[in-house]
Amino acid sequence: MAVSTQSTATPPTSISSGISGVVQRYLWNWEGRTLTIAYETLGEGTPVLLLPSFSTVSTRGEMGGLAKRLSSQFQTVTLDWLGFGQSDRPPLDYQPALYHQLLQDFVRDIFDRPIAIAAAGHSAGYAMELVQKMPQSCSRIILVAPTWRGPLPTMGVDQQLAGWVRQLVRSPILGQTLYKLNTLPSFLRFMYKRHVYVDDAKLTPEFIAKKWLITQQPGARYAPAAFVTGAIDPVCDRSEFLAWFQPAPVPVMLVVGEQSPSQSKAEMNALAELTGVEVSLLPGSLGMHEEYAEAIADRVLEFLGRI
């Protein structure tokens, strides 16, 4: 069972969130190891927890636009998931149970009142599982371009082959080489243009350089390898995902990107058809929480204004 404590200072690293809030660290125990989780607080008032999507370049910085806009009326708390950003990146067996427990412990230990949660991408499933397990901890849920299936499973790769790829990437020499090839700036730009951003004019050399820097941190390949191969998918199929919403314990707003990839958008549309889920359709793709933060923040502020 996880045991958690809190500290109040994080040493600076080469990764900057750009949020300009108070950076803190949360000391979390998982299977006998104490791990450091970075988070950042901005503004005052009712707390809103911002959960970045899982990806090779995941950091809390991608939620910076939302954090700054929402902090005019709320206290925003933005998390770096374990294995990403400024949080520890140990070579663990990354799995859904780890992230479910981390989120439950973090919310229990950091907040003393119900919070709203805005979760992007794969974080959606973890937010919904939290509200099922701890319904009194949450007041509202916002899901931005939610997903539940990793890239390789979405492409039809079976579990056995995906597991082989994951172990290969984790291997000491060949794995590091393969990881570097798949995080070249040219490849990152290709993936952003194909699935993440709509306006490729925003994919400047400076932007891509910052994303590439994220991939070059010590231990950076372990958690992304789990995400890409489906090892941290919060559920196994659509029916499990939709079951969290039938009914949802708290009000839920779904933000769908108009230009999302067809398979991902089909999953979002299935969720949008459920009774009790409020839907906002806005420009964007899987990275809309970063690319179109201002438009999303306006919808979120209106939704949270009903608390």
C-alpha atoms as a PDB file:
ATOM      1  CA  MET A   1       0.000   0.000   0.000  1.00  0.00           C
ATOM      2  CA  ALA A   2       1.300   3.452  -0.914  1.00  0.00           C
ATOM      3  CA  VAL A   3       2.221   5.908   1.803  1.00  0.00           C
ATOM      4  CA  SER A   4       2.568   9.556   0.843  1.00  0.00           C
ATOM      5  CA  THR A   5       4.204  12.659   2.222  1.00  0.00           C
ATOM      6  CA  GLN A   6       4.609  16.181   0.927  1.00  0.00           C
ATOM      7  CA  SER A   7       7.598  18.497   0.502  1.00  0.00           C
ATOM      8  CA  THR A   8       7.765  22.029  -0.828  1.00  0.00           C
ATOM      9  CA  ALA A   9      10.779  22.490  -3.053  1.00  0.00           C
ATOM     10  CA  THR A  10      11.986  20.983  -6.304  1.00  0.00           C
ATOM     11  CA  PRO A  11      15.452  21.643  -7.698  1.00  0.00           C
ATOM     12  CA  PRO A  12      15.395  23.196 -11.167  1.00  0.00           C
ATOM     13  CA  THR A  13      16.104  20.999 -14.195  1.00  0.00           C
ATOM     14  CA  SER A  14      16.647  21.679 -17.864  1.00  0.00           C
ATOM     15  CA  ILE A  15      12.922  21.166 -18.486  1.00  0.00           C
ATOM     16  CA  SER A  16      10.897  24.328 -17.859  1.00  0.00           C
ATOM     17  CA  SER A  17       7.107  24.204 -17.620  1.00  0.00           C
ATOM     18  CA  GLY A  18       6.602  27.861 -18.510  1.00  0.00           C
ATOM     19  CA  ILE A  19       3.707  28.072 -16.037  1.00  0.00           C
ATOM     20  CA  SER A  20       5.505  30.437 -13.623  1.00  0.00           C
ATOM     21  CA  GLY A  21       3.796  28.982 -10.588  1.00  0.00           C
ATOM     22  CA  VAL A  22       5.141  27.557  -7.337  1.00  0.00           C
ATOM     23  CA  VAL A  23       6.924  24.286  -8.109  1.00  0.00           C
ATOM     24  CA  GLN A  24       6.649  21.647  -5.399  1.00  0.00           C
ATOM     25  CA  ARG A  25       7.411  17.981  -4.936  1.00  0.00           C
ATOM     26  CA  TYR A  26       5.299  15.178  -3.589  1.00  0.00           C
ATOM     27  CA  LEU A  27       7.145  12.226  -2.036  1.00  0.00           C
ATOM     28  CA  TRP A  28       5.262   9.045  -2.840  1.00  0.00           C
ATOM     29  CA  ASN A  29       5.968   5.489  -1.746  1.00  0.00           C
ATOM     30  CA  TRP A  30       5.400   2.698  -4.251  1.00  0.00           C
ATOM     31  CA  GLU A  31       6.357  -0.875  -3.363  1.00  0.00           C
ATOM     32  CA  GLY A  32       8.938   0.267  -0.835  1.00  0.00           C
ATOM     33  CA  ARG A  33      10.508   2.997  -2.994  1.00  0.00           C
ATOM     34  CA  THR A  34      10.174   6.716  -2.331  1.00  0.00           C
ATOM     35  CA  LEU A  35       9.554   8.537  -5.601  1.00  0.00           C
ATOM     36  CA  THR A  36       9.417  12.262  -6.295  1.00  0.00           C
ATOM     37  CA  ILE A  37       6.452  13.695  -8.170  1.00  0.00           C
ATOM     38  CA  ALA A  38       6.710  17.276  -9.428  1.00  0.00           C
ATOM     39  CA  TYR A  39       3.679  19.562  -9.446  1.00  0.00           C
ATOM     40  CA  GLU A  40       3.064  23.277  -9.808  1.00  0.00           C
ATOM     41  CA  THR A  41       0.485  25.588  -8.232  1.00  0.00           C
ATOM     42  CA  LEU A  42      -0.790  28.870  -9.653  1.00  0.00           C
ATOM     43  CA  GLY A  43      -3.611  31.186  -8.503  1.00  0.00           C
ATOM     44  CA  GLU A  44      -5.982  31.044  -5.562  1.00  0.00           C
ATOM     45  CA  GLY A  45      -9.432  29.712  -4.848  1.00  0.00           C
ATOM     46  CA  THR A  46     -11.146  26.393  -5.528  1.00  0.00           C
ATOM     47  CA  PRO A  47      -8.537  23.879  -6.757  1.00  0.00           C
ATOM     48  CA  VAL A  48      -8.514  22.534 -10.306  1.00  0.00           C
ATOM     49  CA  LEU A  49      -6.145  19.626 -10.934  1.00  0.00           C
ATOM     50  CA  LEU A  50      -4.719  19.586 -14.475  1.00  0.00           C
ATOM     51  CA  LEU A  51      -3.506  16.212 -15.771  1.00  0.00           C
ATOM     52  CA  PRO A  52      -1.369  16.197 -18.937  1.00  0.00           C
ATOM     53  CA  SER A  53      -1.760  13.522 -21.573  1.00  0.00           C
ATOM     54  CA  PHE A  54       0.616  10.578 -21.700  1.00  0.00           C
ATOM     55  CA  SER A  55       3.074  10.718 -24.602  1.00  0.00           C
ATOM     56  CA  THR A  56       6.773  10.554 -25.387  1.00  0.00           C
ATOM     57  CA  VAL A  57       6.991  14.285 -24.619  1.00  0.00           C
ATOM     58  CA  SER A  58       4.489  14.493 -21.755  1.00  0.00           C
ATOM     59  CA  THR A  59       5.080  17.257 -19.196  1.00  0.00           C
ATOM     60  CA  ARG A  60       2.888  19.517 -17.113  1.00  0.00           C
ATOM     61  CA  GLY A  61       4.049  22.365 -19.364  1.00  0.00           C
ATOM     62  CA  GLU A  62       1.561  21.307 -22.034  1.00  0.00           C
ATOM     63  CA  MET A  63      -1.181  22.347 -19.602  1.00  0.00           C
ATOM     64  CA  GLY A  64       0.433  25.754 -19.075  1.00  0.00           C
ATOM     65  CA  GLY A  65      -2.000  27.716 -21.231  1.00  0.00           C
ATOM     66  CA  LEU A  66      -4.959  26.265 -19.368  1.00  0.00           C
ATOM     67  CA  ALA A  67      -3.295  26.787 -15.988  1.00  0.00           C
ATOM     68  CA  LYS A  68      -2.614  30.469 -16.651  1.00  0.00           C
ATOM     69  CA  ARG A  69      -6.109  31.179 -17.972  1.00  0.00           C
ATOM     70  CA  LEU A  70      -7.937  29.267 -15.230  1.00  0.00           C
ATOM     71  CA  SER A  71      -5.761  30.726 -12.469  1.00  0.00           C
ATOM     72  CA  SER A  72      -7.580  34.042 -12.823  1.00  0.00           C
ATOM     73  CA  GLN A  73     -10.503  32.435 -10.975  1.00  0.00           C
ATOM     74  CA  PHE A  74      -9.192  29.159  -9.521  1.00  0.00           C
ATOM     75  CA  GLN A  75      -6.105  27.625  -7.978  1.00  0.00           C
ATOM     76  CA  THR A  76      -4.582  25.358 -10.615  1.00  0.00           C
ATOM     77  CA  VAL A  77      -2.405  22.405  -9.665  1.00  0.00           C
ATOM     78  CA  THR A  78      -0.568  20.794 -12.571  1.00  0.00           C
ATOM     79  CA  LEU A  79       1.072  17.385 -12.225  1.00  0.00           C
ATOM     80  CA  ASP A  80       4.000  15.654 -13.936  1.00  0.00           C
ATOM     81  CA  TRP A  81       3.134  11.967 -14.085  1.00  0.00           C
ATOM     82  CA  LEU A  82       5.706   9.533 -12.706  1.00  0.00           C
ATOM     83  CA  GLY A  83       8.148   8.720 -15.500  1.00  0.00           C
ATOM     84  CA  PHE A  84       7.612  12.059 -17.235  1.00  0.00           C
ATOM     85  CA  GLY A  85       8.658  15.708 -16.978  1.00  0.00           C
ATOM     86  CA  GLN A  86      10.403  16.705 -13.752  1.00  0.00           C
ATOM     87  CA  SER A  87       9.076  13.706 -11.828  1.00  0.00           C
ATOM     88  CA  ASP A  88      11.314  10.686 -11.217  1.00  0.00           C
ATOM     89  CA  ARG A  89      11.790   8.378 -14.222  1.00  0.00           C
ATOM     90  CA  PRO A  90      12.860   5.018 -12.742  1.00  0.00           C
ATOM     91  CA  PRO A  91      12.903   1.804 -14.836  1.00  0.00           C
ATOM     92  CA  LEU A  92       9.731   0.465 -13.225  1.00  0.00           C
ATOM     93  CA  ASP A  93       7.100  -1.883 -14.589  1.00  0.00           C
ATOM     94  CA  TYR A  94       4.712   0.934 -15.535  1.00  0.00           C
ATOM     95  CA  GLN A  95       1.128  -0.290 -15.303  1.00  0.00           C
ATOM     96  CA  PRO A  96      -2.374   1.087 -14.685  1.00  0.00           C
ATOM     97  CA  ALA A  97      -2.356   0.095 -10.990  1.00  0.00           C
ATOM     98  CA  LEU A  98       0.645   2.359 -10.402  1.00  0.00           C
ATOM     99  CA  TYR A  99      -1.009   5.452 -11.876  1.00  0.00           C
ATOM    100  CA  HIS A 100      -4.401   4.732 -10.329  1.00  0.00           C
ATOM    101  CA  GLN A 101      -2.780   4.560  -6.887  1.00  0.00           C
ATOM    102  CA  LEU A 102      -0.585   7.595  -7.494  1.00  0.00           C
ATOM    103  CA  LEU A 103      -3.542   9.773  -8.434  1.00  0.00           C
ATOM    104  CA  GLN A 104      -5.658   8.587  -5.513  1.00  0.00           C
ATOM    105  CA  ASP A 105      -2.854   9.196  -3.012  1.00  0.00           C
ATOM    106  CA  PHE A 106      -1.959  12.583  -4.482  1.00  0.00           C
ATOM    107  CA  VAL A 107      -5.543  13.856  -4.340  1.00  0.00           C
ATOM    108  CA  ARG A 108      -6.054  12.504  -0.831  1.00  0.00           C
ATOM    109  CA  ASP A 109      -2.838  14.049   0.530  1.00  0.00           C
ATOM    110  CA  ILE A 110      -2.664  17.387  -1.288  1.00  0.00           C
ATOM    111  CA  PHE A 111      -6.278  18.610  -1.210  1.00  0.00           C
ATOM    112  CA  ASP A 112      -8.546  19.210   1.769  1.00  0.00           C
ATOM    113  CA  ARG A 113     -11.743  19.804  -0.227  1.00  0.00           C
ATOM    114  CA  PRO A 114     -13.408  18.552  -3.417  1.00  0.00           C
ATOM    115  CA  ILE A 115     -11.607  19.522  -6.613  1.00  0.00           C
ATOM    116  CA  ALA A 116     -12.362  19.817 -10.293  1.00  0.00           C
ATOM    117  CA  ILE A 117     -10.154  17.820 -12.665  1.00  0.00           C
ATOM    118  CA  ALA A 118      -9.237  18.610 -16.257  1.00  0.00           C
ATOM    119  CA  ALA A 119      -7.606  15.567 -17.876  1.00  0.00           C
ATOM    120  CA  ALA A 120      -6.132  15.328 -21.362  1.00  0.00           C
ATOM    121  CA  GLY A 121      -5.751  12.221 -23.504  1.00  0.00           C
ATOM    122  CA  HIS A 122      -5.022   9.011 -21.587  1.00  0.00           C
ATOM    123  CA  SER A 123      -5.355  10.832 -18.274  1.00  0.00           C
ATOM    124  CA  ALA A 124      -9.121  10.703 -18.782  1.00  0.00           C
ATOM    125  CA  GLY A 125      -9.406   7.088 -17.698  1.00  0.00           C
ATOM    126  CA  TYR A 126      -7.406   7.680 -14.560  1.00  0.00           C
ATOM    127  CA  ALA A 127      -9.541  10.702 -13.657  1.00  0.00           C
ATOM    128  CA  MET A 128     -12.747   8.716 -14.145  1.00  0.00           C
ATOM    129  CA  GLU A 129     -11.474   5.772 -12.114  1.00  0.00           C
ATOM    130  CA  LEU A 130     -10.557   8.190  -9.324  1.00  0.00           C
ATOM    131  CA  VAL A 131     -14.036   9.661  -9.181  1.00  0.00           C
ATOM    132  CA  GLN A 132     -15.512   6.165  -9.031  1.00  0.00           C
ATOM    133  CA  LYS A 133     -13.240   5.177  -6.128  1.00  0.00           C
ATOM    134  CA  MET A 134     -13.295   8.562  -4.327  1.00  0.00           C
ATOM    135  CA  PRO A 135     -16.516  10.342  -5.400  1.00  0.00           C
ATOM    136  CA  GLN A 136     -16.355  12.844  -2.545  1.00  0.00           C
ATOM    137  CA  SER A 137     -12.964  14.099  -3.758  1.00  0.00           C
ATOM    138  CA  CYS A 138     -14.226  15.573  -7.043  1.00  0.00           C
ATOM    139  CA  SER A 139     -16.841  18.141  -8.018  1.00  0.00           C
ATOM    140  CA  ARG A 140     -16.503  18.207 -11.829  1.00  0.00           C
ATOM    141  CA  ILE A 141     -14.538  16.422 -14.539  1.00  0.00           C
ATOM    142  CA  ILE A 142     -13.375  17.895 -17.858  1.00  0.00           C
ATOM    143  CA  LEU A 143     -11.994  15.442 -20.426  1.00  0.00           C
ATOM    144  CA  VAL A 144     -10.056  16.981 -23.317  1.00  0.00           C
ATOM    145  CA  ALA A 145      -9.640  14.737 -26.393  1.00  0.00           C
ATOM    146  CA  PRO A 146      -9.822  11.644 -24.146  1.00  0.00           C
ATOM    147  CA  THR A 147      -8.241   8.364 -25.219  1.00  0.00           C
ATOM    148  CA  TRP A 148      -7.953   4.960 -23.593  1.00  0.00           C
ATOM    149  CA  ARG A 149      -5.891   2.915 -26.070  1.00  0.00           C
ATOM    150  CA  GLY A 150      -2.164   3.402 -26.769  1.00  0.00           C
ATOM    151  CA  PRO A 151      -0.678   3.970 -30.232  1.00  0.00           C
ATOM    152  CA  LEU A 152       0.408   0.395 -31.035  1.00  0.00           C
ATOM    153  CA  PRO A 153      -2.886  -1.232 -29.940  1.00  0.00           C
ATOM    154  CA  THR A 154      -4.732   1.434 -31.952  1.00  0.00           C
ATOM    155  CA  MET A 155      -2.686   0.342 -34.974  1.00  0.00           C
ATOM    156  CA  GLY A 156      -3.805  -3.258 -34.412  1.00  0.00           C
ATOM    157  CA  VAL A 157      -0.581  -4.594 -32.875  1.00  0.00           C
ATOM    158  CA  ASP A 158      -1.365  -7.532 -30.570  1.00  0.00           C
ATOM    159  CA  GLN A 159      -0.326  -7.669 -26.926  1.00  0.00           C
ATOM    160  CA  GLN A 160       2.471 -10.174 -27.451  1.00  0.00           C
ATOM    161  CA  LEU A 161       4.213  -8.127 -30.141  1.00  0.00           C
ATOM    162  CA  ALA A 162       3.619  -4.877 -28.221  1.00  0.00           C
ATOM    163  CA  GLY A 163       5.192  -6.461 -25.147  1.00  0.00           C
ATOM    164  CA  TRP A 164       8.218  -7.539 -27.184  1.00  0.00           C
ATOM    165  CA  VAL A 165       8.633  -3.976 -28.484  1.00  0.00           C
ATOM    166  CA  ARG A 166       8.346  -2.594 -24.941  1.00  0.00           C
ATOM    167  CA  GLN A 167      11.068  -4.897 -23.624  1.00  0.00           C
ATOM    168  CA  LEU A 168      13.282  -4.080 -26.590  1.00  0.00           C
ATOM    169  CA  VAL A 169      13.023  -0.340 -25.938  1.00  0.00           C
ATOM    170  CA  ARG A 170      13.819  -0.940 -22.259  1.00  0.00           C
ATOM    171  CA  SER A 171      16.988  -2.917 -23.087  1.00  0.00           C
ATOM    172  CA  PRO A 172      20.299  -1.164 -22.240  1.00  0.00           C
ATOM    173  CA  ILE A 173      21.962  -0.557 -25.621  1.00  0.00           C
ATOM    174  CA  LEU A 174      19.663  -1.450 -28.506  1.00  0.00           C
ATOM    175  CA  GLY A 175      16.701   0.019 -26.675  1.00  0.00           C
ATOM    176  CA  GLN A 176      18.377   3.374 -26.189  1.00  0.00           C
ATOM    177  CA  THR A 177      19.349   3.439 -29.864  1.00  0.00           C
ATOM    178  CA  LEU A 178      15.818   2.665 -31.031  1.00  0.00           C
ATOM    179  CA  TYR A 179      14.422   5.259 -28.655  1.00  0.00           C
ATOM    180  CA  LYS A 180      16.754   7.950 -29.980  1.00  0.00           C
ATOM    181  CA  LEU A 181      15.773   7.144 -33.580  1.00  0.00           C
ATOM    182  CA  ASN A 182      12.102   7.531 -32.662  1.00  0.00           C
ATOM    183  CA  THR A 183      12.671  10.846 -30.900  1.00  0.00           C
ATOM    184  CA  LEU A 184      14.665  12.609 -33.595  1.00  0.00           C
ATOM    185  CA  PRO A 185      13.395  16.171 -34.099  1.00  0.00           C
ATOM    186  CA  SER A 186      12.272  15.302 -37.629  1.00  0.00           C
ATOM    187  CA  PHE A 187      10.222  12.364 -36.348  1.00  0.00           C
ATOM    188  CA  LEU A 188       8.695  14.427 -33.523  1.00  0.00           C
ATOM    189  CA  ARG A 189       7.628  17.080 -36.041  1.00  0.00           C
ATOM    190  CA  PHE A 190       6.113  14.402 -38.287  1.00  0.00           C
ATOM    191  CA  MET A 191       4.051  12.955 -35.423  1.00  0.00           C
ATOM    192  CA  TYR A 192       2.923  16.387 -34.222  1.00  0.00           C
ATOM    193  CA  LYS A 193       1.806  17.300 -37.733  1.00  0.00           C
ATOM    194  CA  ARG A 194      -0.003  13.983 -38.230  1.00  0.00           C
ATOM    195  CA  HIS A 195      -1.820  13.507 -34.926  1.00  0.00           C
ATOM    196  CA  VAL A 196      -1.226  16.251 -32.382  1.00  0.00           C
ATOM    197  CA  TYR A 197      -1.353  19.796 -33.793  1.00  0.00           C
ATOM    198  CA  VAL A 198      -3.567  21.226 -36.529  1.00  0.00           C
ATOM    199  CA  ASP A 199      -1.555  24.304 -37.483  1.00  0.00           C
ATOM    200  CA  ASP A 200       1.894  23.099 -38.537  1.00  0.00           C
ATOM    201  CA  ALA A 201       3.133  26.693 -38.640  1.00  0.00           C
ATOM    202  CA  LYS A 202       3.287  26.407 -34.851  1.00  0.00           C
ATOM    203  CA  LEU A 203       5.771  23.549 -35.136  1.00  0.00           C
ATOM    204  CA  THR A 204       8.748  25.855 -35.266  1.00  0.00           C
ATOM    205  CA  PRO A 205      12.328  24.632 -34.791  1.00  0.00           C
ATOM    206  CA  GLU A 206      12.259  26.187 -31.305  1.00  0.00           C
ATOM    207  CA  PHE A 207       9.046  24.364 -30.401  1.00  0.00           C
ATOM    208  CA  ILE A 208      10.364  21.002 -31.605  1.00  0.00           C
ATOM    209  CA  ALA A 209      13.709  21.584 -29.870  1.00  0.00           C
ATOM    210  CA  LYS A 210      11.921  22.014 -26.537  1.00  0.00           C
ATOM    211  CA  LYS A 211       9.965  18.807 -27.085  1.00  0.00           C
ATOM    212  CA  TRP A 212      13.122  16.939 -28.091  1.00  0.00           C
ATOM    213  CA  LEU A 213      14.850  18.078 -24.892  1.00  0.00           C
ATOM    214  CA  ILE A 214      12.127  16.328 -22.898  1.00  0.00           C
ATOM    215  CA  THR A 215      13.007  13.018 -24.551  1.00  0.00           C
ATOM    216  CA  GLN A 216      16.701  13.332 -23.678  1.00  0.00           C
ATOM    217  CA  GLN A 217      16.378  13.254 -19.892  1.00  0.00           C
ATOM    218  CA  PRO A 218      17.874  10.287 -17.984  1.00  0.00           C
ATOM    219  CA  GLY A 219      15.398   7.408 -17.861  1.00  0.00           C
ATOM    220  CA  ALA A 220      13.034   9.151 -20.251  1.00  0.00           C
ATOM    221  CA  ARG A 221      12.300   6.088 -22.381  1.00  0.00           C
ATOM    222  CA  TYR A 222      10.747   3.748 -19.804  1.00  0.00           C
ATOM    223  CA  ALA A 223       7.309   5.252 -19.185  1.00  0.00           C
ATOM    224  CA  PRO A 224       6.762   6.362 -22.819  1.00  0.00           C
ATOM    225  CA  ALA A 225       7.552   2.801 -23.947  1.00  0.00           C
ATOM    226  CA  ALA A 226       4.756   1.594 -21.662  1.00  0.00           C
ATOM    227  CA  PHE A 227       2.342   4.170 -23.073  1.00  0.00           C
ATOM    228  CA  VAL A 228       3.114   3.531 -26.736  1.00  0.00           C
ATOM    229  CA  THR A 229       2.743  -0.239 -26.348  1.00  0.00           C
ATOM    230  CA  GLY A 230      -0.513  -0.072 -24.387  1.00  0.00           C
ATOM    231  CA  ALA A 231       0.882  -1.216 -21.034  1.00  0.00           C
ATOM    232  CA  ILE A 232      -0.730   1.728 -19.212  1.00  0.00           C
ATOM    233  CA  ASP A 233      -4.049   1.705 -21.031  1.00  0.00           C
ATOM    234  CA  PRO A 234      -6.532   2.248 -18.171  1.00  0.00           C
ATOM    235  CA  VAL A 235      -9.046  -0.206 -19.680  1.00  0.00           C
ATOM    236  CA  CYS A 236      -9.033  -3.051 -22.214  1.00  0.00           C
ATOM    237  CA  ASP A 237     -11.976  -2.077 -24.392  1.00  0.00           C
ATOM    238  CA  ARG A 238     -14.562   0.615 -25.097  1.00  0.00           C
ATOM    239  CA  SER A 239     -17.283  -0.960 -22.957  1.00  0.00           C
ATOM    240  CA  GLU A 240     -15.090  -0.711 -19.849  1.00  0.00           C
ATOM    241  CA  PHE A 241     -14.347   2.922 -20.599  1.00  0.00           C
ATOM    242  CA  LEU A 242     -17.990   3.861 -21.164  1.00  0.00           C
ATOM    243  CA  ALA A 243     -19.052   2.030 -18.006  1.00  0.00           C
ATOM    244  CA  TRP A 244     -17.404   4.747 -15.916  1.00  0.00           C
ATOM    245  CA  PHE A 245     -20.001   7.199 -17.259  1.00  0.00           C
ATOM    246  CA  GLN A 246     -23.179   5.185 -16.722  1.00  0.00           C
ATOM    247  CA  PRO A 247     -23.863   7.214 -14.769  1.00  0.00           C
ATOM    248  CA  ALA A 248     -20.899   9.412 -13.844  1.00  0.00           C
ATOM    249  CA  PRO A 249     -20.833  10.355 -10.135  1.00  0.00           C
ATOM    250  CA  VAL A 250     -20.182  14.031 -10.975  1.00  0.00           C
ATOM    251  CA  PRO A 251     -20.925  16.344 -13.935  1.00  0.00           C
ATOM    252  CA  VAL A 252     -18.660  15.624 -16.909  1.00  0.00           C
ATOM    253  CA  MET A 253     -17.749  17.842 -19.846  1.00  0.00           C
ATOM    254  CA  LEU A 254     -16.194  16.280 -22.936  1.00  0.00           C
ATOM    255  CA  VAL A 255     -14.110  18.446 -25.272  1.00  0.00           C
ATOM    256  CA  VAL A 256     -13.742  16.892 -28.736  1.00  0.00           C
ATOM    257  CA  GLY A 257     -11.224  18.076 -31.322  1.00  0.00           C
ATOM    258  CA  GLU A 258     -12.744  18.546 -34.756  1.00  0.00           C
ATOM    259  CA  GLN A 259      -9.562  17.331 -36.478  1.00  0.00           C
ATOM    260  CA  SER A 260      -8.853  14.347 -34.198  1.00  0.00           C
ATOM    261  CA  PRO A 261      -7.672  11.115 -35.902  1.00  0.00           C
ATOM    262  CA  SER A 262     -10.626   9.043 -37.101  1.00  0.00           C
ATOM    263  CA  GLN A 263     -10.204   6.119 -34.681  1.00  0.00           C
ATOM    264  CA  SER A 264      -9.709   8.387 -31.681  1.00  0.00           C
ATOM    265  CA  LYS A 265     -12.633  10.580 -32.677  1.00  0.00           C
ATOM    266  CA  ALA A 266     -14.873   7.516 -33.002  1.00  0.00           C
ATOM    267  CA  GLU A 267     -14.153   6.711 -29.348  1.00  0.00           C
ATOM    268  CA  MET A 268     -14.897  10.304 -28.332  1.00  0.00           C
ATOM    269  CA  ASN A 269     -18.143  10.273 -30.306  1.00  0.00           C
ATOM    270  CA  ALA A 270     -19.225   7.077 -28.549  1.00  0.00           C
ATOM    271  CA  LEU A 271     -18.697   8.856 -25.244  1.00  0.00           C
ATOM    272  CA  ALA A 272     -20.502  11.958 -26.490  1.00  0.00           C
ATOM    273  CA  GLU A 273     -23.661   9.912 -27.109  1.00  0.00           C
ATOM    274  CA  LEU A 274     -24.023   9.014 -23.436  1.00  0.00           C
ATOM    275  CA  THR A 275     -26.705  10.712 -21.397  1.00  0.00           C
ATOM    276  CA  GLY A 276     -25.389  13.267 -18.928  1.00  0.00           C
ATOM    277  CA  VAL A 277     -22.115  14.057 -20.738  1.00  0.00           C
ATOM    278  CA  GLU A 278     -21.882  17.685 -21.839  1.00  0.00           C
ATOM    279  CA  VAL A 279     -20.063  18.006 -25.159  1.00  0.00           C
ATOM    280  CA  SER A 280     -18.011  20.854 -26.630  1.00  0.00           C
ATOM    281  CA  LEU A 281     -16.695  20.523 -30.192  1.00  0.00           C
ATOM    282  CA  LEU A 282     -13.707  22.774 -30.838  1.00  0.00           C
ATOM    283  CA  PRO A 283     -10.858  23.057 -33.351  1.00  0.00           C
ATOM    284  CA  GLY A 284      -7.935  20.787 -32.611  1.00  0.00           C
ATOM    285  CA  SER A 285      -6.581  17.263 -32.509  1.00  0.00           C
ATOM    286  CA  LEU A 286      -4.986  15.149 -29.778  1.00  0.00           C
ATOM    287  CA  GLY A 287      -2.885  18.106 -28.587  1.00  0.00           C
ATOM    288  CA  MET A 288      -5.748  20.580 -28.490  1.00  0.00           C
ATOM    289  CA  HIS A 289      -5.276  21.164 -24.743  1.00  0.00           C
ATOM    290  CA  GLU A 290      -1.960  22.821 -25.612  1.00  0.00           C
ATOM    291  CA  GLU A 291      -2.594  24.223 -29.090  1.00  0.00           C
ATOM    292  CA  TYR A 292      -6.030  25.714 -28.376  1.00  0.00           C
ATOM    293  CA  ALA A 293      -5.747  26.261 -24.637  1.00  0.00           C
ATOM    294  CA  GLU A 294      -7.499  29.648 -24.634  1.00  0.00           C
ATOM    295  CA  ALA A 295     -10.645  28.416 -26.403  1.00  0.00           C
ATOM    296  CA  ILE A 296     -10.824  25.363 -24.158  1.00  0.00           C
ATOM    297  CA  ALA A 297     -10.247  27.462 -21.035  1.00  0.00           C
ATOM    298  CA  ASP A 298     -13.217  29.659 -21.904  1.00  0.00           C
ATOM    299  CA  ARG A 299     -15.481  26.595 -22.057  1.00  0.00           C
ATOM    300  CA  VAL A 300     -13.987  25.187 -18.871  1.00  0.00           C
ATOM    301  CA  LEU A 301     -14.510  28.453 -16.982  1.00  0.00           C
ATOM    302  CA  GLU A 302     -18.154  28.499 -18.020  1.00  0.00           C
ATOM    303  CA  PHE A 303     -18.555  24.856 -16.955  1.00  0.00           C
ATOM    304  CA  LEU A 304     -16.815  25.381 -13.621  1.00  0.00           C
ATOM    305  CA  GLY A 305     -18.791  28.567 -13.002  1.00  0.00           C
ATOM    306  CA  ARG A 306     -21.778  26.362 -12.216  1.00  0.00           C
ATOM    307  CA  ILE A 307     -20.097  24.892  -9.120  1.00  0.00           C
END
